[in-house]
Each structure stands twice: as structure tokens, then as C-alpha cells.
């Protein structure tokens, strides 16, 4: 993780999923010069999150929960966000 958007992503997720295991990976360097690369070095991210809140919840609903926690970041402030959401013991 690096940069201000990465830190904001982690902060917003921790505010919503307090006891979660969270990893924010900046993938922007792999997309340099591609569509959506704004030159900021903070355009593409992967979020790996394991939270109790995802127990018994479908993959789609998990994605929606993460997106709701992130607000205006996905699609407006970053070009691409991959989400790997799981419950403990998965």
C-alpha cells in the first residue's frame, strides 16, 4: 500500500469492517500507459478483505458492501478496483 488514495481506501474499510483483515494493493504501475492511467500512480487497486460480516453473504453482496464502504472512490477517483472478499474459514 502507498499513497493517499490507498490509505483512504484502508481507512474507510476499517471504519466499516473494524475487525477485518485488509490488504490494499496498488496495481497502478502494471497499468502505466493503459486506459484509465491518469499518471497519478493511484488509478488501479486490489482490495483483499476477510471479514466476519461476509459470513453467509453472496459474492455479489460482499462486493456491494465493500463498494458502499468506499463511497466515491471506485469509478470516480480510481479507474479500477478488484475486490477479493471472503469470510473467515473460507
PDB file of N, CA and C in Angstrom:
ATOM      1  N   UNK A   1       0.847  -1.175   0.000  1.00  0.00           N
ATOM      2  CA  UNK A   1       0.000   0.000   0.000  1.00  0.00           C
ATOM      3  C   UNK A   1       0.889   1.232   0.000  1.00  0.00           C
ATOM      4  N   UNK A   2       0.482   2.245  -0.748  1.00  0.00           N
ATOM      5  CA  UNK A   2       1.190   3.509  -0.718  1.00  0.00           C
ATOM      6  C   UNK A   2       0.251   4.589  -1.224  1.00  0.00           C
ATOM      7  N   UNK A   3       0.548   5.839  -0.916  1.00  0.00           N
ATOM      8  CA  UNK A   3      -0.238   6.941  -1.439  1.00  0.00           C
ATOM      9  C   UNK A   3      -1.478   7.244  -0.630  1.00  0.00           C
ATOM     10  N   UNK A   4      -2.048   8.383  -0.940  1.00  0.00           N
ATOM     11  CA  UNK A   4      -3.167   8.877  -0.153  1.00  0.00           C
ATOM     12  C   UNK A   4      -4.466   8.135  -0.452  1.00  0.00           C
ATOM     13  N   UNK A   5      -4.723   7.774  -1.695  1.00  0.00           N
ATOM     14  CA  UNK A   5      -5.957   7.050  -2.000  1.00  0.00           C
ATOM     15  C   UNK A   5      -5.916   5.661  -1.369  1.00  0.00           C
ATOM     16  N   UNK A   6      -4.781   5.004  -1.434  1.00  0.00           N
ATOM     17  CA  UNK A   6      -4.648   3.687  -0.802  1.00  0.00           C
ATOM     18  C   UNK A   6      -4.931   3.784   0.694  1.00  0.00           C
ATOM     19  N   UNK A   7      -4.414   4.811   1.337  1.00  0.00           N
ATOM     20  CA  UNK A   7      -4.651   4.998   2.767  1.00  0.00           C
ATOM     21  C   UNK A   7      -6.126   5.265   3.035  1.00  0.00           C
ATOM     22  N   UNK A   8      -6.757   6.062   2.183  1.00  0.00           N
ATOM     23  CA  UNK A   8      -8.177   6.356   2.355  1.00  0.00           C
ATOM     24  C   UNK A   8      -9.024   5.107   2.162  1.00  0.00           C
ATOM     25  N   UNK A   9      -8.666   4.269   1.192  1.00  0.00           N
ATOM     26  CA  UNK A   9      -9.381   3.008   0.989  1.00  0.00           C
ATOM     27  C   UNK A   9      -9.312   2.176   2.266  1.00  0.00           C
ATOM     28  N   UNK A  10      -8.113   2.013   2.815  1.00  0.00           N
ATOM     29  CA  UNK A  10      -7.959   1.211   4.027  1.00  0.00           C
ATOM     30  C   UNK A  10      -8.722   1.819   5.196  1.00  0.00           C
ATOM     31  N   UNK A  11      -8.663   3.117   5.360  1.00  0.00           N
ATOM     32  CA  UNK A  11      -9.367   3.779   6.462  1.00  0.00           C
ATOM     33  C   UNK A  11     -10.870   3.573   6.360  1.00  0.00           C
ATOM     34  N   UNK A  12     -11.426   3.758   5.178  1.00  0.00           N
ATOM     35  CA  UNK A  12     -12.868   3.584   5.006  1.00  0.00           C
ATOM     36  C   UNK A  12     -13.288   2.137   5.273  1.00  0.00           C
ATOM     37  N   UNK A  13     -12.488   1.195   4.814  1.00  0.00           N
ATOM     38  CA  UNK A  13     -12.812  -0.210   5.056  1.00  0.00           C
ATOM     39  C   UNK A  13     -12.711  -0.553   6.540  1.00  0.00           C
ATOM     40  N   UNK A  14     -11.695  -0.051   7.223  1.00  0.00           N
ATOM     41  CA  UNK A  14     -11.543  -0.316   8.658  1.00  0.00           C
ATOM     42  C   UNK A  14     -12.679   0.327   9.452  1.00  0.00           C
ATOM     43  N   UNK A  15     -13.159   1.478   9.005  1.00  0.00           N
ATOM     44  CA  UNK A  15     -14.287   2.131   9.679  1.00  0.00           C
ATOM     45  C   UNK A  15     -15.546   1.277   9.580  1.00  0.00           C
ATOM     46  N   UNK A  16     -15.717   0.584   8.458  1.00  0.00           N
ATOM     47  CA  UNK A  16     -16.912  -0.237   8.238  1.00  0.00           C
ATOM     48  C   UNK A  16     -16.738  -1.662   8.745  1.00  0.00           C
ATOM     49  N   UNK A  17     -15.567  -2.239   8.519  1.00  0.00           N
ATOM     50  CA  UNK A  17     -15.280  -3.633   8.882  1.00  0.00           C
ATOM     51  C   UNK A  17     -14.148  -3.636   9.907  1.00  0.00           C
ATOM     52  N   UNK A  18     -14.456  -3.234  11.125  1.00  0.00           N
ATOM     53  CA  UNK A  18     -13.444  -2.956  12.150  1.00  0.00           C
ATOM     54  C   UNK A  18     -12.473  -4.096  12.417  1.00  0.00           C
ATOM     55  N   UNK A  19     -12.950  -5.315  12.483  1.00  0.00           N
ATOM     56  CA  UNK A  19     -12.058  -6.431  12.841  1.00  0.00           C
ATOM     57  C   UNK A  19     -11.556  -7.211  11.626  1.00  0.00           C
ATOM     58  N   UNK A  20     -11.722  -6.653  10.459  1.00  0.00           N
ATOM     59  CA  UNK A  20     -11.344  -7.346   9.225  1.00  0.00           C
ATOM     60  C   UNK A  20      -9.838  -7.376   9.010  1.00  0.00           C
ATOM     61  N   UNK A  21      -9.414  -8.378   8.254  1.00  0.00           N
ATOM     62  CA  UNK A  21      -8.045  -8.423   7.735  1.00  0.00           C
ATOM     63  C   UNK A  21      -8.114  -7.753   6.379  1.00  0.00           C
ATOM     64  N   UNK A  22      -7.353  -6.673   6.188  1.00  0.00           N
ATOM     65  CA  UNK A  22      -7.446  -5.862   4.971  1.00  0.00           C
ATOM     66  C   UNK A  22      -6.066  -5.666   4.367  1.00  0.00           C
ATOM     67  N   UNK A  23      -5.997  -5.854   3.074  1.00  0.00           N
ATOM     68  CA  UNK A  23      -4.768  -5.560   2.329  1.00  0.00           C
ATOM     69  C   UNK A  23      -5.168  -4.741   1.107  1.00  0.00           C
ATOM     70  N   UNK A  24      -4.539  -3.589   0.941  1.00  0.00           N
ATOM     71  CA  UNK A  24      -4.782  -2.738  -0.221  1.00  0.00           C
ATOM     72  C   UNK A  24      -3.517  -2.778  -1.070  1.00  0.00           C
ATOM     73  N   UNK A  25      -3.669  -3.230  -2.304  1.00  0.00           N
ATOM     74  CA  UNK A  25      -2.530  -3.393  -3.213  1.00  0.00           C
ATOM     75  C   UNK A  25      -2.674  -2.389  -4.353  1.00  0.00           C
ATOM     76  N   UNK A  26      -1.662  -1.575  -4.536  1.00  0.00           N
ATOM     77  CA  UNK A  26      -1.664  -0.609  -5.627  1.00  0.00           C
ATOM     78  C   UNK A  26      -1.115  -1.293  -6.876  1.00  0.00           C
ATOM     79  N   UNK A  27      -1.989  -1.523  -7.849  1.00  0.00           N
ATOM     80  CA  UNK A  27      -1.625  -2.184  -9.100  1.00  0.00           C
ATOM     81  C   UNK A  27      -1.342  -1.191 -10.226  1.00  0.00           C
ATOM     82  N   UNK A  28      -1.301   0.083  -9.918  1.00  0.00           N
ATOM     83  CA  UNK A  28      -1.219   1.125 -10.944  1.00  0.00           C
ATOM     84  C   UNK A  28       0.005   0.995 -11.848  1.00  0.00           C
ATOM     85  N   UNK A  29       1.137   0.615 -11.294  1.00  0.00           N
ATOM     86  CA  UNK A  29       2.360   0.513 -12.099  1.00  0.00           C
ATOM     87  C   UNK A  29       2.210  -0.507 -13.221  1.00  0.00           C
ATOM     88  N   UNK A  30       1.398  -1.536 -12.991  1.00  0.00           N
ATOM     89  CA  UNK A  30       1.186  -2.567 -14.008  1.00  0.00           C
ATOM     90  C   UNK A  30       0.327  -2.052 -15.160  1.00  0.00           C
ATOM     91  N   UNK A  31      -0.336  -0.916 -14.958  1.00  0.00           N
ATOM     92  CA  UNK A  31      -1.255  -0.381 -15.957  1.00  0.00           C
ATOM     93  C   UNK A  31      -0.779   0.944 -16.532  1.00  0.00           C
ATOM     94  N   UNK A  32       0.474   1.290 -16.281  1.00  0.00           N
ATOM     95  CA  UNK A  32       1.037   2.550 -16.775  1.00  0.00           C
ATOM     96  C   UNK A  32       0.879   2.633 -18.291  1.00  0.00           C
ATOM     97  N   UNK A  33       0.288   3.712 -18.750  1.00  0.00           N
ATOM     98  CA  UNK A  33       0.092   3.917 -20.182  1.00  0.00           C
ATOM     99  C   UNK A  33      -1.170   3.289 -20.734  1.00  0.00           C
ATOM    100  N   UNK A  34      -1.891   2.526 -19.925  1.00  0.00           N
ATOM    101  CA  UNK A  34      -3.133   1.888 -20.366  1.00  0.00           C
ATOM    102  C   UNK A  34      -4.315   2.807 -20.102  1.00  0.00           C
ATOM    103  N   UNK A  35      -5.464   2.430 -20.592  1.00  0.00           N
ATOM    104  CA  UNK A  35      -6.684   3.187 -20.355  1.00  0.00           C
ATOM    105  C   UNK A  35      -6.923   3.337 -18.860  1.00  0.00           C
ATOM    106  N   UNK A  36      -7.294   4.523 -18.462  1.00  0.00           N
ATOM    107  CA  UNK A  36      -7.579   4.770 -17.062  1.00  0.00           C
ATOM    108  C   UNK A  36      -6.382   5.200 -16.247  1.00  0.00           C
ATOM    109  N   UNK A  37      -5.181   5.112 -16.803  1.00  0.00           N
ATOM    110  CA  UNK A  37      -3.988   5.557 -16.091  1.00  0.00           C
ATOM    111  C   UNK A  37      -3.925   7.072 -16.183  1.00  0.00           C
ATOM    112  N   UNK A  38      -4.150   7.734 -15.057  1.00  0.00           N
ATOM    113  CA  UNK A  38      -4.156   9.197 -15.047  1.00  0.00           C
ATOM    114  C   UNK A  38      -2.789   9.784 -14.704  1.00  0.00           C
ATOM    115  N   UNK A  39      -1.795   8.939 -14.561  1.00  0.00           N
ATOM    116  CA  UNK A  39      -0.450   9.399 -14.252  1.00  0.00           C
ATOM    117  C   UNK A  39      -0.201   9.645 -12.773  1.00  0.00           C
ATOM    118  N   UNK A  40      -1.222   9.475 -11.944  1.00  0.00           N
ATOM    119  CA  UNK A  40      -1.084   9.745 -10.510  1.00  0.00           C
ATOM    120  C   UNK A  40      -0.385   8.616  -9.763  1.00  0.00           C
ATOM    121  N   UNK A  41      -0.359   7.437 -10.379  1.00  0.00           N
ATOM    122  CA  UNK A  41       0.176   6.268  -9.686  1.00  0.00           C
ATOM    123  C   UNK A  41      -0.822   5.675  -8.720  1.00  0.00           C
ATOM    124  N   UNK A  42      -2.060   6.161  -8.782  1.00  0.00           N
ATOM    125  CA  UNK A  42      -3.123   5.658  -7.909  1.00  0.00           C
ATOM    126  C   UNK A  42      -4.420   5.504  -8.697  1.00  0.00           C
ATOM    127  N   UNK A  43      -4.365   4.683  -9.738  1.00  0.00           N
ATOM    128  CA  UNK A  43      -5.536   4.511 -10.602  1.00  0.00           C
ATOM    129  C   UNK A  43      -6.115   3.106 -10.565  1.00  0.00           C
ATOM    130  N   UNK A  44      -5.331   2.116 -10.145  1.00  0.00           N
ATOM    131  CA  UNK A  44      -5.757   0.708 -10.136  1.00  0.00           C
ATOM    132  C   UNK A  44      -5.376   0.058  -8.805  1.00  0.00           C
ATOM    133  N   UNK A  45      -6.361  -0.585  -8.157  1.00  0.00           N
ATOM    134  CA  UNK A  45      -6.117  -1.209  -6.857  1.00  0.00           C
ATOM    135  C   UNK A  45      -6.774  -2.571  -6.771  1.00  0.00           C
ATOM    136  N   UNK A  46      -6.222  -3.404  -5.915  1.00  0.00           N
ATOM    137  CA  UNK A  46      -6.852  -4.648  -5.500  1.00  0.00           C
ATOM    138  C   UNK A  46      -7.034  -4.558  -3.993  1.00  0.00           C
ATOM    139  N   UNK A  47      -8.222  -4.925  -3.533  1.00  0.00           N
ATOM    140  CA  UNK A  47      -8.509  -4.980  -2.102  1.00  0.00           C
ATOM    141  C   UNK A  47      -8.758  -6.440  -1.738  1.00  0.00           C
ATOM    142  N   UNK A  48      -8.006  -6.937  -0.772  1.00  0.00           N
ATOM    143  CA  UNK A  48      -8.213  -8.276  -0.230  1.00  0.00           C
ATOM    144  C   UNK A  48      -8.735  -8.061   1.185  1.00  0.00           C
ATOM    145  N   UNK A  49      -9.946  -8.546   1.434  1.00  0.00           N
ATOM    146  CA  UNK A  49     -10.567  -8.311   2.729  1.00  0.00           C
ATOM    147  C   UNK A  49     -11.242  -9.579   3.234  1.00  0.00           C
ATOM    148  N   UNK A  50     -10.965  -9.902   4.477  1.00  0.00           N
ATOM    149  CA  UNK A  50     -11.601 -11.035   5.152  1.00  0.00           C
ATOM    150  C   UNK A  50     -12.320 -10.480   6.371  1.00  0.00           C
ATOM    151  N   UNK A  51     -13.646 -10.661   6.394  1.00  0.00           N
ATOM    152  CA  UNK A  51     -14.429 -10.080   7.478  1.00  0.00           C
ATOM    153  C   UNK A  51     -15.563 -11.000   7.910  1.00  0.00           C
ATOM    154  N   UNK A  52     -15.853 -10.981   9.190  1.00  0.00           N
ATOM    155  CA  UNK A  52     -16.982 -11.749   9.726  1.00  0.00           C
ATOM    156  C   UNK A  52     -18.288 -11.333   9.051  1.00  0.00           C
ATOM    157  N   UNK A  53     -18.385 -10.072   8.662  1.00  0.00           N
ATOM    158  CA  UNK A  53     -19.610  -9.554   8.039  1.00  0.00           C
ATOM    159  C   UNK A  53     -19.959 -10.283   6.749  1.00  0.00           C
ATOM    160  N   UNK A  54     -19.009 -10.983   6.151  1.00  0.00           N
ATOM    161  CA  UNK A  54     -19.244 -11.676   4.883  1.00  0.00           C
ATOM    162  C   UNK A  54     -19.730 -13.121   5.073  1.00  0.00           C
ATOM    163  N   UNK A  55     -19.813 -13.590   6.299  1.00  0.00           N
ATOM    164  CA  UNK A  55     -20.276 -14.955   6.562  1.00  0.00           C
ATOM    165  C   UNK A  55     -21.723 -15.109   6.105  1.00  0.00           C
ATOM    166  N   UNK A  56     -21.965 -16.097   5.253  1.00  0.00           N
ATOM    167  CA  UNK A  56     -23.299 -16.364   4.753  1.00  0.00           C
ATOM    168  C   UNK A  56     -23.812 -15.368   3.732  1.00  0.00           C
ATOM    169  N   UNK A  57     -22.921 -14.530   3.217  1.00  0.00           N
ATOM    170  CA  UNK A  57     -23.300 -13.480   2.271  1.00  0.00           C
ATOM    171  C   UNK A  57     -22.768 -13.849   0.884  1.00  0.00           C
ATOM    172  N   UNK A  58     -23.566 -13.630  -0.146  1.00  0.00           N
ATOM    173  CA  UNK A  58     -23.155 -13.970  -1.507  1.00  0.00           C
ATOM    174  C   UNK A  58     -21.985 -13.100  -1.964  1.00  0.00           C
ATOM    175  N   UNK A  59     -21.302 -13.573  -2.970  1.00  0.00           N
ATOM    176  CA  UNK A  59     -20.162 -12.837  -3.535  1.00  0.00           C
ATOM    177  C   UNK A  59     -20.602 -11.457  -4.003  1.00  0.00           C
ATOM    178  N   UNK A  60     -21.737 -11.374  -4.674  1.00  0.00           N
ATOM    179  CA  UNK A  60     -22.238 -10.097  -5.177  1.00  0.00           C
ATOM    180  C   UNK A  60     -22.539  -9.135  -4.027  1.00  0.00           C
ATOM    181  N   UNK A  61     -23.170  -9.625  -2.990  1.00  0.00           N
ATOM    182  CA  UNK A  61     -23.486  -8.761  -1.856  1.00  0.00           C
ATOM    183  C   UNK A  61     -22.217  -8.295  -1.146  1.00  0.00           C
ATOM    184  N   UNK A  62     -21.210  -9.147  -1.077  1.00  0.00           N
ATOM    185  CA  UNK A  62     -19.925  -8.740  -0.490  1.00  0.00           C
ATOM    186  C   UNK A  62     -19.329  -7.580  -1.278  1.00  0.00           C
ATOM    187  N   UNK A  63     -19.372  -7.707  -2.604  1.00  0.00           N
ATOM    188  CA  UNK A  63     -18.847  -6.639  -3.463  1.00  0.00           C
ATOM    189  C   UNK A  63     -19.603  -5.341  -3.193  1.00  0.00           C
ATOM    190  N   UNK A  64     -20.910  -5.446  -3.098  1.00  0.00           N
ATOM    191  CA  UNK A  64     -21.739  -4.258  -2.845  1.00  0.00           C
ATOM    192  C   UNK A  64     -21.422  -3.633  -1.491  1.00  0.00           C
ATOM    193  N   UNK A  65     -21.176  -4.461  -0.482  1.00  0.00           N
ATOM    194  CA  UNK A  65     -20.838  -3.960   0.848  1.00  0.00           C
ATOM    195  C   UNK A  65     -19.518  -3.185   0.825  1.00  0.00           C
ATOM    196  N   UNK A  66     -18.534  -3.722   0.125  1.00  0.00           N
ATOM    197  CA  UNK A  66     -17.237  -3.049   0.017  1.00  0.00           C
ATOM    198  C   UNK A  66     -17.390  -1.749  -0.764  1.00  0.00           C
ATOM    199  N   UNK A  67     -18.098  -1.796  -1.872  1.00  0.00           N
ATOM    200  CA  UNK A  67     -18.296  -0.586  -2.678  1.00  0.00           C
ATOM    201  C   UNK A  67     -19.031   0.489  -1.890  1.00  0.00           C
ATOM    202  N   UNK A  68     -20.025   0.099  -1.105  1.00  0.00           N
ATOM    203  CA  UNK A  68     -20.760   1.066  -0.283  1.00  0.00           C
ATOM    204  C   UNK A  68     -19.830   1.726   0.729  1.00  0.00           C
ATOM    205  N   UNK A  69     -18.928   0.939   1.317  1.00  0.00           N
ATOM    206  CA  UNK A  69     -17.982   1.480   2.295  1.00  0.00           C
ATOM    207  C   UNK A  69     -17.014   2.472   1.654  1.00  0.00           C
ATOM    208  N   UNK A  70     -16.706   2.258   0.379  1.00  0.00           N
ATOM    209  CA  UNK A  70     -15.721   3.097  -0.303  1.00  0.00           C
ATOM    210  C   UNK A  70     -16.308   4.361  -0.922  1.00  0.00           C
ATOM    211  N   UNK A  71     -17.619   4.444  -1.001  1.00  0.00           N
ATOM    212  CA  UNK A  71     -18.261   5.671  -1.476  1.00  0.00           C
ATOM    213  C   UNK A  71     -17.843   6.078  -2.867  1.00  0.00           C
ATOM    214  N   UNK A  72     -17.284   7.284  -2.985  1.00  0.00           N
ATOM    215  CA  UNK A  72     -16.961   7.857  -4.299  1.00  0.00           C
ATOM    216  C   UNK A  72     -15.615   7.414  -4.861  1.00  0.00           C
ATOM    217  N   UNK A  73     -14.903   6.566  -4.156  1.00  0.00           N
ATOM    218  CA  UNK A  73     -13.565   6.188  -4.637  1.00  0.00           C
ATOM    219  C   UNK A  73     -13.631   5.347  -5.918  1.00  0.00           C
ATOM    220  N   UNK A  74     -14.350   4.209  -5.930  1.00  0.00           N
ATOM    221  CA  UNK A  74     -14.375   3.397  -7.146  1.00  0.00           C
ATOM    222  C   UNK A  74     -15.152   4.101  -8.268  1.00  0.00           C
ATOM    223  N   UNK A  75     -14.565   4.114  -9.437  1.00  0.00           N
ATOM    224  CA  UNK A  75     -15.248   4.674 -10.598  1.00  0.00           C
ATOM    225  C   UNK A  75     -15.125   6.171 -10.749  1.00  0.00           C
ATOM    226  N   UNK A  76     -14.897   6.877  -9.670  1.00  0.00           N
ATOM    227  CA  UNK A  76     -14.750   8.320  -9.751  1.00  0.00           C
ATOM    228  C   UNK A  76     -13.329   8.771  -9.461  1.00  0.00           C
ATOM    229  N   UNK A  77     -12.735   8.196  -8.426  1.00  0.00           N
ATOM    230  CA  UNK A  77     -11.380   8.613  -8.042  1.00  0.00           C
ATOM    231  C   UNK A  77     -10.324   7.595  -8.418  1.00  0.00           C
ATOM    232  N   UNK A  78     -10.726   6.359  -8.665  1.00  0.00           N
ATOM    233  CA  UNK A  78      -9.819   5.350  -9.203  1.00  0.00           C
ATOM    234  C   UNK A  78     -10.495   4.705 -10.402  1.00  0.00           C
ATOM    235  N   UNK A  79      -9.698   4.281 -11.349  1.00  0.00           N
ATOM    236  CA  UNK A  79     -10.228   3.701 -12.575  1.00  0.00           C
ATOM    237  C   UNK A  79     -10.696   2.266 -12.383  1.00  0.00           C
ATOM    238  N   UNK A  80      -9.928   1.494 -11.629  1.00  0.00           N
ATOM    239  CA  UNK A  80     -10.246   0.067 -11.487  1.00  0.00           C
ATOM    240  C   UNK A  80      -9.990  -0.394 -10.061  1.00  0.00           C
ATOM    241  N   UNK A  81     -10.907  -1.243  -9.579  1.00  0.00           N
ATOM    242  CA  UNK A  81     -10.787  -1.796  -8.240  1.00  0.00           C
ATOM    243  C   UNK A  81     -11.205  -3.253  -8.280  1.00  0.00           C
ATOM    244  N   UNK A  82     -10.259  -4.140  -7.990  1.00  0.00           N
ATOM    245  CA  UNK A  82     -10.566  -5.569  -7.873  1.00  0.00           C
ATOM    246  C   UNK A  82     -10.815  -5.855  -6.410  1.00  0.00           C
ATOM    247  N   UNK A  83     -11.879  -6.608  -6.124  1.00  0.00           N
ATOM    248  CA  UNK A  83     -12.243  -6.911  -4.733  1.00  0.00           C
ATOM    249  C   UNK A  83     -12.216  -8.418  -4.530  1.00  0.00           C
ATOM    250  N   UNK A  84     -11.439  -8.840  -3.543  1.00  0.00           N
ATOM    251  CA  UNK A  84     -11.391 -10.247  -3.144  1.00  0.00           C
ATOM    252  C   UNK A  84     -11.879 -10.303  -1.712  1.00  0.00           C
ATOM    253  N   UNK A  85     -13.172 -10.559  -1.546  1.00  0.00           N
ATOM    254  CA  UNK A  85     -13.799 -10.531  -0.226  1.00  0.00           C
ATOM    255  C   UNK A  85     -14.138 -11.947   0.218  1.00  0.00           C
ATOM    256  N   UNK A  86     -13.777 -12.277   1.452  1.00  0.00           N
ATOM    257  CA  UNK A  86     -14.072 -13.609   1.973  1.00  0.00           C
ATOM    258  C   UNK A  86     -14.446 -13.513   3.447  1.00  0.00           C
ATOM    259  N   UNK A  87     -15.074 -14.570   3.901  1.00  0.00           N
ATOM    260  CA  UNK A  87     -15.375 -14.708   5.327  1.00  0.00           C
ATOM    261  C   UNK A  87     -14.272 -15.568   5.950  1.00  0.00           C
ATOM    262  N   UNK A  88     -14.075 -15.473   7.255  1.00  0.00           N
ATOM    263  CA  UNK A  88     -13.090 -16.340   7.903  1.00  0.00           C
ATOM    264  C   UNK A  88     -13.431 -17.814   7.633  1.00  0.00           C
ATOM    265  N   UNK A  89     -12.414 -18.629   7.567  1.00  0.00           N
ATOM    266  CA  UNK A  89     -12.578 -20.069   7.346  1.00  0.00           C
ATOM    267  C   UNK A  89     -12.933 -20.421   5.895  1.00  0.00           C
ATOM    268  N   UNK A  90     -12.836 -19.489   4.989  1.00  0.00           N
ATOM    269  CA  UNK A  90     -13.086 -19.811   3.579  1.00  0.00           C
ATOM    270  C   UNK A  90     -11.777 -20.050   2.870  1.00  0.00           C
TER     271      UNK A  90
END
